[in-house]
Amino acid sequence: MFEDLKEKAVTWRAGNGYTEKGGVIVFFQGEVQGWCNALRDPQHWQPGCLAVDQFGLVYQAVGGNAQDGANSWQIMLSL
């Protein structure tokens, strides 16, 4: 389900020198928005943003609103 997103994250990491830095790559509407060294501060991200860590785990910013940001990060399970 998230394979395209995971591929984009790996490609972005490789192209930008983040392959060994951990952290997460944050996406909004399928486009990379940036890298963070840790998954935190959901209020800085709009609900619906997705974050992919170096292990391929995917998290979604949930709750809140576009103006005030999300309330939390929730792990997404793909079967």
Protein backbone atom coordinates (compact mmCIF):
# COMPACT_ATOMS: atom_id res chain seq x y z
CA MET A 1 0.00 0.00 0.00
CA PHE A 2 2.82 2.42 0.83
CA GLU A 3 5.48 0.95 -1.45
CA ASP A 4 5.66 3.99 -3.78
CA LEU A 5 6.07 6.30 -0.80
CA LYS A 6 8.81 4.11 0.67
CA GLU A 7 10.63 4.08 -2.68
CA LYS A 8 10.42 7.87 -2.89
CA ALA A 9 11.83 8.14 0.63
CA VAL A 10 14.78 5.86 -0.19
CA THR A 11 15.49 7.77 -3.43
CA TRP A 12 15.25 11.15 -1.66
CA ARG A 13 17.58 9.99 1.13
CA ALA A 14 20.15 8.75 -1.38
CA GLY A 15 19.98 11.89 -3.50
CA ASN A 16 20.26 14.26 -0.56
CA GLY A 17 22.85 12.57 1.66
CA TYR A 18 20.47 11.24 4.33
CA THR A 19 20.99 7.48 3.95
CA GLU A 20 22.79 7.08 7.29
CA LYS A 21 21.10 9.85 9.27
CA GLY A 22 17.94 8.09 10.54
CA GLY A 23 14.99 10.35 11.12
CA VAL A 24 11.95 10.58 8.87
CA ILE A 25 11.09 11.92 5.45
CA VAL A 26 7.78 13.83 5.57
CA PHE A 27 5.39 13.87 2.60
CA PHE A 28 2.26 15.83 1.82
CA GLN A 29 0.09 14.75 -1.10
CA GLY A 30 2.88 12.46 -2.29
CA GLU A 31 5.59 15.14 -2.40
CA VAL A 32 8.59 15.34 -0.07
CA GLN A 33 8.28 18.25 2.34
CA GLY A 34 11.47 17.64 4.28
CA TRP A 35 13.50 15.55 6.70
CA CYS A 36 13.35 15.54 10.52
CA ASN A 37 15.83 13.79 12.79
CA ALA A 38 12.94 12.47 14.92
CA LEU A 39 9.19 12.06 14.58
CA ARG A 40 7.84 14.89 16.76
CA ASP A 41 5.91 18.16 16.68
CA PRO A 42 2.77 17.02 14.81
CA GLN A 43 1.41 20.56 15.17
CA HIS A 44 4.05 21.67 12.65
CA TRP A 45 2.49 19.44 9.99
CA GLN A 46 -0.89 19.46 8.31
CA PRO A 47 -3.18 16.49 9.01
CA GLY A 48 -2.68 13.89 6.30
CA CYS A 49 1.09 14.28 6.09
CA LEU A 50 2.91 10.96 5.99
CA ALA A 51 6.36 10.28 7.45
CA VAL A 52 8.61 7.36 6.48
CA ASP A 53 11.46 6.34 8.77
CA GLN A 54 14.71 4.62 7.77
CA PHE A 55 13.14 1.19 8.40
CA GLY A 56 10.19 1.86 6.09
CA LEU A 57 7.62 2.40 8.85
CA VAL A 58 4.95 4.90 7.82
CA TYR A 59 3.23 7.35 10.16
CA GLN A 60 0.35 9.74 9.48
CA ALA A 61 -0.32 13.13 11.05
CA VAL A 62 -3.87 12.93 12.41
CA GLY A 63 -6.40 15.16 14.14
CA GLY A 64 -6.23 18.91 14.29
CA ASN A 65 -6.68 21.07 11.21
CA ALA A 66 -4.74 22.71 8.39
CA GLN A 67 -4.30 26.00 10.26
CA ASP A 68 -3.22 24.66 13.67
CA GLY A 69 -1.53 21.46 12.50
CA ALA A 70 -2.11 17.85 13.47
CA ASN A 71 -2.60 16.54 17.01
CA SER A 72 -0.45 13.41 16.82
CA TRP A 73 1.41 10.92 14.65
CA GLN A 74 -0.21 7.50 14.15
CA ILE A 75 1.61 4.44 12.80
CA MET A 76 0.06 3.08 9.62
CA LEU A 77 -0.05 -0.67 9.23
CA SER A 78 0.03 -2.03 5.70
CA LEU A 79 -0.87 -5.68 5.27
